[in-house]
Amino acid sequence: MIARASTVNTPVLAAGLSARAIDPARALGGARAVDAARPVDRLLAVYNLLLAGLWTSVTVAAQPAATGSGLAFELGPGKASLLAMAHLIAAGIPLLVGRLPRSPGFGPRLLRLLHEVYPLLLLPVFWLELDPLIRTLHGTTRDAAIMLLDRAVFGFHLDQVWIRAMPQTWFSELMHFSYWIYLPLIFTPPIVMVLRRDAVGLQDVTLRLLATYVGCYVVYLAFPTAGPKVFGVLFEGASDGVFLGLVARAHETGNVYGAAFPSSHVAGAVTVAWLGWRWFPPAAAVLLTLQAAGVLMSTVYTQNHYAVDSLAGLGFALAVQAWVVPTLRGRQ
């Protein structure tokens, strides 16, 4: 069961989300807003150490990364060593930023805000880094196993059947909109917490999002799958549409090879819905839950994921929120 944060009857924010009375000591910039030993910092340090170890293990040149990843370069031992060193340094950053000055003023307040959100700012960097690292560590993906699992669960590949059965432009646009809106959706909870100046809420949002995405990234590094866009039988469906085009352009700039199982789109959207039930009014939480359902369906319809990828993303996110995050905090 999702534990809701306490709320009070206060004016409604312009975005339609209720404001909450914030104790000055827990506000961004408050005296107790900075904790040098937060679970999110420890999690980030461990992940950086993992990446440092993986890059250190690279002793031969890698295959070029996919053009869409933004990291299309030949990766030799020299560059791998530099990346390993960068992650070793990054692992120590939480120990430094956790001791930021607590004095008033715009500068210290801005630094403390960065301290709260910097783990989320690193997620796009970690995402793009997956492509060359996966190609370096693995000669192939595990799609054959996932395709067998997908057929065993459903009896057929839903990603190949659904888009053929419903190729109408209006439905294609609805599905591609649900897929595209995922990215701005992810930024909603942290932006709301910053506007509220709620450090405690922002810390909860940051930890839960980071745990979900870092968990997915670790699975990709150990068990990469490319998904039906690479190994499936594709059906074009609708030939035009605003959101169809937006999704296509997004794939050209930010797609990562080997990051299909579990679906991080679904896992992230489910995490945002979970946060909605913890921190937002019920009406907003319902909307976020409906959108998470839309993301789950659209990842399959658009043939970006096998159906089992999306179900795994759902289960993975629920497990992280219900058990992993409380464990990281040291309480059940």
Protein backbone atom coordinates (compact mmCIF):
# COMPACT_ATOMS: atom_id res chain seq x y z
CA MET A 1 0.00 0.00 0.00
CA ILE A 2 1.28 3.47 -0.89
CA ALA A 3 1.81 5.67 2.17
CA ARG A 4 0.55 9.19 1.50
CA ALA A 5 2.41 12.22 2.76
CA SER A 6 0.31 14.36 5.05
CA THR A 7 -1.46 17.34 3.50
CA VAL A 8 -3.32 20.36 4.81
CA ASN A 9 -6.03 22.60 3.37
CA THR A 10 -4.02 25.34 1.74
CA PRO A 11 -4.41 27.33 -1.48
CA VAL A 12 -4.18 25.44 -4.74
CA LEU A 13 -1.12 25.94 -6.94
CA ALA A 14 -1.56 27.34 -10.43
CA ALA A 15 -0.81 23.90 -11.88
CA GLY A 16 -3.77 22.45 -10.04
CA LEU A 17 -1.72 20.64 -7.39
CA SER A 18 -2.46 21.50 -3.79
CA ALA A 19 0.18 23.40 -1.90
CA ARG A 20 1.25 22.09 1.48
CA ALA A 21 2.30 23.87 4.60
CA ILE A 22 6.06 23.41 4.83
CA ASP A 23 7.98 23.53 8.08
CA PRO A 24 10.77 26.12 7.55
CA ALA A 25 13.28 23.56 8.82
CA ARG A 26 12.34 21.17 6.03
CA ALA A 27 12.12 23.77 3.28
CA LEU A 28 14.78 24.08 0.60
CA GLY A 29 17.42 26.22 2.21
CA GLY A 30 16.26 25.40 5.73
CA ALA A 31 18.61 24.48 8.55
CA ARG A 32 17.96 20.75 8.28
CA ALA A 33 17.61 20.57 4.50
CA VAL A 34 21.07 19.03 3.97
CA ASP A 35 21.97 15.54 5.07
CA ALA A 36 25.52 14.35 4.37
CA ALA A 37 24.60 10.64 4.49
CA ARG A 38 21.41 10.39 2.47
CA PRO A 39 20.38 7.07 0.88
CA VAL A 40 20.29 8.73 -2.55
CA ASP A 41 23.94 9.75 -2.22
CA ARG A 42 24.99 6.27 -1.15
CA LEU A 43 23.08 4.71 -4.05
CA LEU A 44 24.67 7.12 -6.51
CA ALA A 45 28.14 6.46 -5.12
CA VAL A 46 27.69 2.68 -5.45
CA TYR A 47 26.50 3.03 -9.04
CA ASN A 48 29.46 5.26 -9.91
CA LEU A 49 31.82 2.70 -8.38
CA LEU A 50 30.14 -0.03 -10.44
CA LEU A 51 30.64 1.97 -13.64
CA ALA A 52 34.24 2.72 -12.69
CA GLY A 53 34.85 -1.01 -12.29
CA LEU A 54 33.21 -1.87 -15.60
CA TRP A 55 35.19 0.74 -17.52
CA THR A 56 38.37 -0.44 -15.83
CA SER A 57 37.67 -3.93 -17.15
CA VAL A 58 37.63 -2.66 -20.72
CA THR A 59 40.96 -3.50 -22.34
CA VAL A 60 40.03 -3.68 -26.03
CA ALA A 61 38.48 -1.18 -28.38
CA ALA A 62 34.72 -1.23 -28.52
CA GLN A 63 32.43 -1.25 -31.52
CA PRO A 64 31.12 2.20 -32.47
CA ALA A 65 28.07 3.22 -30.52
CA ALA A 66 24.77 3.77 -32.31
CA THR A 67 24.54 7.16 -33.98
CA GLY A 68 21.36 8.00 -32.12
CA SER A 69 22.99 7.68 -28.73
CA GLY A 70 25.07 10.82 -29.08
CA LEU A 71 28.17 8.84 -28.07
CA ALA A 72 29.23 7.45 -31.45
CA PHE A 73 32.97 7.13 -31.08
CA GLU A 74 35.58 4.41 -31.11
CA LEU A 75 36.24 3.52 -27.50
CA GLY A 76 39.71 2.29 -26.69
CA PRO A 77 41.44 1.49 -23.38
CA GLY A 78 42.63 5.09 -22.99
CA LYS A 79 39.15 6.59 -23.09
CA ALA A 80 37.80 3.78 -20.94
CA SER A 81 40.42 4.61 -18.30
CA LEU A 82 39.39 8.26 -18.34
CA LEU A 83 35.75 7.29 -17.86
CA ALA A 84 36.69 4.97 -15.01
CA MET A 85 38.59 7.80 -13.33
CA ALA A 86 35.66 10.18 -13.84
CA HIS A 87 33.31 7.77 -12.09
CA LEU A 88 35.73 7.26 -9.21
CA ILE A 89 35.80 11.02 -8.71
CA ALA A 90 32.00 11.24 -9.08
CA ALA A 91 31.58 8.60 -6.36
CA GLY A 92 33.15 11.01 -3.89
CA ILE A 93 31.06 14.04 -4.85
CA PRO A 94 28.21 13.24 -2.40
CA LEU A 95 30.68 13.42 0.48
CA LEU A 96 31.62 16.94 -0.61
CA VAL A 97 28.23 18.40 -1.49
CA GLY A 98 26.77 16.97 1.71
CA ARG A 99 28.89 19.48 3.62
CA LEU A 100 27.69 22.57 1.80
CA PRO A 101 27.48 25.80 3.81
CA ARG A 102 24.18 26.33 5.56
CA SER A 103 24.43 30.11 5.73
CA PRO A 104 21.61 32.20 4.21
CA GLY A 105 21.90 33.90 0.86
CA PHE A 106 21.21 33.13 -2.78
CA GLY A 107 24.51 31.33 -3.42
CA PRO A 108 24.26 28.76 -0.60
CA ARG A 109 20.56 28.22 -1.32
CA LEU A 110 21.29 27.53 -4.98
CA LEU A 111 24.03 25.08 -4.01
CA ARG A 112 21.66 23.27 -1.67
CA LEU A 113 19.05 23.07 -4.41
CA LEU A 114 21.67 21.54 -6.72
CA HIS A 115 22.53 19.12 -3.94
CA GLU A 116 18.94 17.91 -3.94
CA VAL A 117 18.52 17.54 -7.71
CA TYR A 118 22.01 16.64 -8.96
CA PRO A 119 21.26 12.86 -8.95
CA LEU A 120 18.44 13.49 -11.43
CA LEU A 121 20.68 15.69 -13.56
CA LEU A 122 23.13 12.79 -13.89
CA LEU A 123 20.51 10.33 -15.14
CA PRO A 124 20.66 11.49 -18.81
CA VAL A 125 24.45 11.10 -18.72
CA PHE A 126 24.15 7.59 -17.31
CA TRP A 127 21.54 6.77 -19.94
CA LEU A 128 23.68 7.81 -22.92
CA GLU A 129 26.71 6.05 -21.42
CA LEU A 130 24.88 2.74 -21.52
CA ASP A 131 25.15 2.42 -25.30
CA PRO A 132 28.95 2.27 -25.69
CA LEU A 133 29.35 0.33 -22.44
CA ILE A 134 26.84 -2.35 -23.43
CA ARG A 135 28.44 -2.69 -26.86
CA THR A 136 31.84 -3.00 -25.21
CA LEU A 137 30.87 -5.58 -22.63
CA HIS A 138 28.52 -7.74 -24.70
CA GLY A 139 28.96 -9.21 -28.13
CA THR A 140 25.24 -9.77 -28.51
CA THR A 141 21.92 -9.13 -26.77
CA ARG A 142 19.59 -11.56 -25.05
CA ASP A 143 16.57 -10.89 -27.25
CA ALA A 144 16.15 -14.56 -28.19
CA ALA A 145 15.44 -15.46 -24.56
CA ILE A 146 13.02 -12.56 -24.11
CA MET A 147 11.18 -13.41 -27.32
CA LEU A 148 10.74 -16.96 -26.10
CA LEU A 149 9.44 -15.67 -22.77
CA ASP A 150 7.11 -13.23 -24.51
CA ARG A 151 5.60 -15.99 -26.65
CA ALA A 152 5.35 -18.33 -23.64
CA VAL A 153 3.41 -15.72 -21.65
CA PHE A 154 1.09 -14.41 -24.37
CA GLY A 155 1.10 -17.14 -27.00
CA PHE A 156 2.14 -14.59 -29.65
CA HIS A 157 4.07 -11.32 -29.92
CA LEU A 158 1.59 -8.56 -29.08
CA ASP A 159 3.91 -5.91 -30.51
CA GLN A 160 3.55 -7.55 -33.95
CA VAL A 161 -0.21 -8.06 -33.72
CA TRP A 162 -1.63 -4.91 -32.12
CA ILE A 163 -0.36 -2.27 -34.54
CA ARG A 164 -1.53 -4.38 -37.51
CA ALA A 165 -5.00 -4.74 -35.99
CA MET A 166 -5.40 -1.03 -35.19
CA PRO A 167 -3.37 1.06 -37.67
CA GLN A 168 -5.83 3.98 -37.70
CA THR A 169 -4.17 7.39 -37.50
CA TRP A 170 -6.25 8.60 -34.53
CA PHE A 171 -5.31 5.58 -32.42
CA SER A 172 -1.69 5.71 -33.56
CA GLU A 173 -1.53 9.36 -32.47
CA LEU A 174 -3.06 8.52 -29.09
CA MET A 175 -0.48 5.81 -28.51
CA HIS A 176 2.45 7.90 -29.74
CA PHE A 177 1.27 10.81 -27.59
CA SER A 178 1.22 8.52 -24.55
CA TYR A 179 4.74 7.38 -25.41
CA TRP A 180 6.06 10.90 -26.08
CA ILE A 181 4.53 12.52 -22.97
CA TYR A 182 6.60 10.17 -20.80
CA LEU A 183 9.61 12.49 -20.82
CA PRO A 184 7.92 15.68 -19.54
CA LEU A 185 5.92 13.48 -17.17
CA ILE A 186 9.11 12.39 -15.41
CA PHE A 187 10.03 15.98 -14.56
CA THR A 188 6.64 16.80 -13.00
CA PRO A 189 7.21 15.59 -9.39
CA PRO A 190 10.64 17.23 -8.88
CA ILE A 191 9.48 20.52 -10.43
CA VAL A 192 6.43 20.59 -8.16
CA MET A 193 8.59 19.94 -5.09
CA VAL A 194 11.01 22.71 -6.06
CA LEU A 195 8.09 25.12 -6.52
CA ARG A 196 6.82 24.12 -3.09
CA ARG A 197 10.32 24.56 -1.66
CA ASP A 198 9.85 21.20 0.04
CA ALA A 199 13.23 19.55 0.62
CA VAL A 200 11.76 16.43 2.23
CA GLY A 201 9.38 15.86 -0.65
CA LEU A 202 12.14 16.53 -3.18
CA GLN A 203 14.45 14.05 -1.45
CA ASP A 204 11.74 11.38 -1.59
CA VAL A 205 11.05 12.07 -5.27
CA THR A 206 14.76 12.03 -6.15
CA LEU A 207 15.49 8.79 -4.32
CA ARG A 208 12.53 6.95 -5.80
CA LEU A 209 13.24 8.05 -9.37
CA LEU A 210 16.96 7.35 -9.05
CA ALA A 211 16.39 3.89 -7.55
CA THR A 212 14.05 2.97 -10.41
CA TYR A 213 16.32 4.14 -13.21
CA VAL A 214 19.62 2.97 -11.76
CA GLY A 215 18.02 -0.42 -11.11
CA CYS A 216 16.95 -0.62 -14.77
CA TYR A 217 20.42 0.42 -15.93
CA VAL A 218 22.07 -2.33 -13.90
CA VAL A 219 19.79 -4.91 -15.53
CA TYR A 220 20.65 -3.54 -18.98
CA LEU A 221 24.37 -3.80 -18.25
CA ALA A 222 24.00 -7.41 -17.11
CA PHE A 223 21.27 -8.60 -19.49
CA PRO A 224 20.95 -6.32 -22.55
CA THR A 225 18.03 -6.66 -24.92
CA ALA A 226 17.41 -4.45 -27.95
CA GLY A 227 13.67 -4.98 -28.40
CA PRO A 228 11.45 -5.46 -31.46
CA LYS A 229 12.71 -2.31 -33.21
CA VAL A 230 15.92 -4.26 -33.84
CA PHE A 231 14.89 -7.93 -33.86
CA GLY A 232 11.14 -7.90 -34.39
CA VAL A 233 9.00 -7.92 -37.53
CA LEU A 234 8.01 -4.27 -37.89
CA PHE A 235 4.75 -2.97 -39.28
CA GLU A 236 4.64 0.68 -40.28
CA GLY A 237 1.06 1.41 -39.24
CA ALA A 238 0.01 5.04 -39.71
CA SER A 239 2.30 6.94 -42.05
CA ASP A 240 1.86 10.41 -40.61
CA GLY A 241 0.99 12.19 -37.39
CA VAL A 242 2.41 14.90 -35.15
CA PHE A 243 3.33 12.63 -32.25
CA LEU A 244 4.50 9.84 -34.50
CA GLY A 245 7.05 12.30 -35.89
CA LEU A 246 8.03 13.57 -32.44
CA VAL A 247 8.68 10.02 -31.22
CA ALA A 248 10.75 9.27 -34.33
CA ARG A 249 12.91 12.35 -33.76
CA ALA A 250 13.34 11.49 -30.09
CA HIS A 251 14.63 8.04 -31.07
CA GLU A 252 17.14 9.60 -33.45
CA THR A 253 18.76 11.58 -30.63
CA GLY A 254 18.39 9.48 -27.50
CA ASN A 255 17.92 5.81 -28.29
CA VAL A 256 20.17 3.32 -26.48
CA TYR A 257 21.03 -0.14 -27.76
CA GLY A 258 20.35 -2.94 -25.30
CA ALA A 259 17.97 -1.07 -22.97
CA ALA A 260 14.64 -2.82 -23.55
CA PHE A 261 14.05 -5.25 -20.65
CA PRO A 262 12.58 -4.10 -18.35
CA SER A 263 11.02 -1.05 -20.00
CA SER A 264 12.39 2.04 -18.25
CA HIS A 265 9.56 4.03 -19.84
CA VAL A 266 7.01 1.95 -17.99
CA ALA A 267 9.08 1.76 -14.81
CA GLY A 268 9.54 5.54 -14.76
CA ALA A 269 5.87 6.28 -15.47
CA VAL A 270 4.74 3.87 -12.74
CA THR A 271 7.16 5.51 -10.31
CA VAL A 272 5.69 8.93 -11.11
CA ALA A 273 2.20 7.54 -10.50
CA TRP A 274 3.39 6.13 -7.15
CA LEU A 275 4.77 9.55 -6.26
CA GLY A 276 1.45 11.08 -7.28
CA TRP A 277 -0.39 8.99 -4.71
CA ARG A 278 2.18 9.94 -2.07
CA TRP A 279 2.43 13.68 -2.67
CA PHE A 280 -0.31 14.97 -4.96
CA PRO A 281 -4.10 15.34 -4.61
CA PRO A 282 -6.14 12.27 -5.59
CA ALA A 283 -7.31 13.82 -8.87
CA ALA A 284 -3.73 14.42 -10.00
CA ALA A 285 -2.70 10.94 -8.84
CA VAL A 286 -5.50 9.39 -10.91
CA LEU A 287 -4.35 11.30 -14.01
CA LEU A 288 -0.75 10.17 -13.49
CA THR A 289 -1.92 6.58 -13.04
CA LEU A 290 -3.93 6.73 -16.26
CA GLN A 291 -0.92 8.14 -18.06
CA ALA A 292 1.26 5.35 -16.68
CA ALA A 293 -1.24 2.88 -18.13
CA GLY A 294 -1.00 4.75 -21.43
CA VAL A 295 2.79 4.47 -21.40
CA LEU A 296 2.57 0.74 -20.67
CA MET A 297 0.28 0.18 -23.67
CA SER A 298 2.08 2.56 -26.02
CA THR A 299 5.50 0.96 -25.53
CA VAL A 300 4.08 -2.24 -27.02
CA TYR A 301 1.88 -0.67 -29.70
CA THR A 302 4.74 1.44 -31.07
CA GLN A 303 6.91 -1.71 -31.22
CA ASN A 304 9.55 -0.24 -28.94
CA HIS A 305 9.15 -3.10 -26.47
CA TYR A 306 7.94 -6.65 -26.27
CA ALA A 307 4.85 -6.94 -24.08
CA VAL A 308 6.88 -8.83 -21.49
CA ASP A 309 9.31 -5.86 -21.33
CA SER A 310 6.47 -3.57 -20.34
CA LEU A 311 5.04 -5.96 -17.76
CA ALA A 312 8.54 -6.36 -16.33
CA GLY A 313 8.84 -2.57 -16.11
CA LEU A 314 5.58 -2.44 -14.15
CA GLY A 315 6.62 -5.16 -11.73
CA PHE A 316 10.12 -3.78 -11.39
CA ALA A 317 8.91 -0.29 -10.45
CA LEU A 318 6.42 -1.62 -7.90
CA ALA A 319 9.11 -3.78 -6.30
CA VAL A 320 11.55 -0.87 -6.10
CA GLN A 321 8.99 1.46 -4.52
CA ALA A 322 7.50 -1.06 -2.11
CA TRP A 323 10.66 -2.84 -0.94
CA VAL A 324 13.93 -1.46 -2.29
CA VAL A 325 13.44 2.18 -1.29
CA PRO A 326 12.36 1.34 2.30
CA THR A 327 15.38 -0.98 2.54
CA LEU A 328 17.72 1.77 1.37
CA ARG A 329 16.27 3.97 4.09
CA GLY A 330 16.86 1.26 6.67
CA ARG A 331 13.25 0.68 7.59
CA GLN A 332 10.49 -1.67 6.44
